[in-house]
Amino acid sequence: MAQKLDVCIRGDGMVGRTLALLLARQKLRVGLVTSAPKPSQDVRAYSLNSASRDLLSDLRCWPDATHATPVQHMRVWGDDGGFIHFESPTPEGLTWIVDVPVLEAQLAEAVRYQADIALLNAPEPAALTVVCEGRASVTRAELGVQFEVLPYQQHAVAARVRCSTPHRQQALQWFTQGAQGLEILALLPLGGAQGDTASLVWSLPPERAKDMRTLSPEAFGIALEHASNGVLGQIELTSERAMWPLQLACADHWTGNFADGSAWALAGDAAHNIHPLAGLGLNLGLADVAELANVLKARETKDYWRSVGDRYFLRRYERARKANMAPTWAACDGLQRLFAHPNASVQALRNWGMKGFNSWGPAKAWAMQFANPHTFFA
């Protein structure tokens, strides 16, 4: 069958739609395979950094201040007195907590008005197919790509809550050794600077996660107040509760060719998964598509004669993203394992380290510089 498309994108989530908009700017013929609407309420919110904000703003898809709350303070508690506090040096904030349904709607609207993007009910032939189907990607499985998964003994429980104490643009996180193992609670500010609502992601041992999901809304709110030490006062559940298992995962290769010779590439959660403790998930997916778009943009100058599916481009994309992500994977996995370690001496050492780090200004300044707000790492 003759190829009417330059690029076919399988998966119309935030990563797939962003890539479609970026490639349409290059005057490429883009097809975006759409999926059925989600039947349940979407309770997710993401912590996005400056690079993600700049990318989405350039596409005119950045939500307004009500739905993209700047974080002025990050406060992290350990399980025995350990504590770290980061404060934004500017009014812009350390990061932004973005309401996922609002961002998805704005990306969908932008795609609808982009004439060079065709919405498809099924994949069509193209020189390059980009797979953005998420962690359970069907295409990745059909291609036989090895997806190396390291499961954590945790499930995430996510929901929306209202707090009796305004959040004051604080992102709050607690690491606690519970009776069944490590628990990590994050409360992320929503509703703008004066808001009193938050998105929560509570990483729990599997059985405890199931218990928390089935508690009555009132009992769940009380459990949250206890786990957060009452920092935000009384907490009221305002949404459904979502739950999923947590894992570290990566595809062994991100690019290749179909039997007919056309090329494919993986991006976003179809290529990699990471623990949500650092809030990096969507930032990494957006970094994938930004890198792929930049690599393909070289065709406009010296490599105009190459196809978008040329291995030259795809090798550059895969090498760059794997190299950039390796330290992030190692750091997040190491942090999760450090706090999950049950040994009392290890627990004492990590909390001593948190206290020392928090009181040593040069170390905090270095960490802030390392997490440069213009990179794709929060």
Foldseek 3Di string as FASTA:
>chain_A
DDDPFAEEEEALAPLSLLLQLLVVVVVGQYEYADDDDDPFDDFDKFWFFQQVQVSCVVLVLRDDQQFWAAAQKEWEAEAPGFIAIDGDPDPRHGTIIGDRVSSSVSSVVSLVPRPSYHYDNDDDDHLEYEYEHAQVGPVCVVVVWDKDKDFDQKKKKKAKKFFPAAPQRYWYWYWHQDPVFTKIKIWGDHRHRRGRMTIIIIIDRVVVSVVLLPDDQQVNQVVVCVRRVCPRPGMGTDGHMDMDTAIWIATPFAKDADPVGRIYGYAANNGTGADPNQRQRVLLRNVLSVLLSVLLSCCVPDVVVDRSRDVVSVVSSGVVSCVVCVVVRVVRVVVVVLSRDPDPVSSVVVSVVSNVCNVDVVNSVVVSVVQDSNDSGD
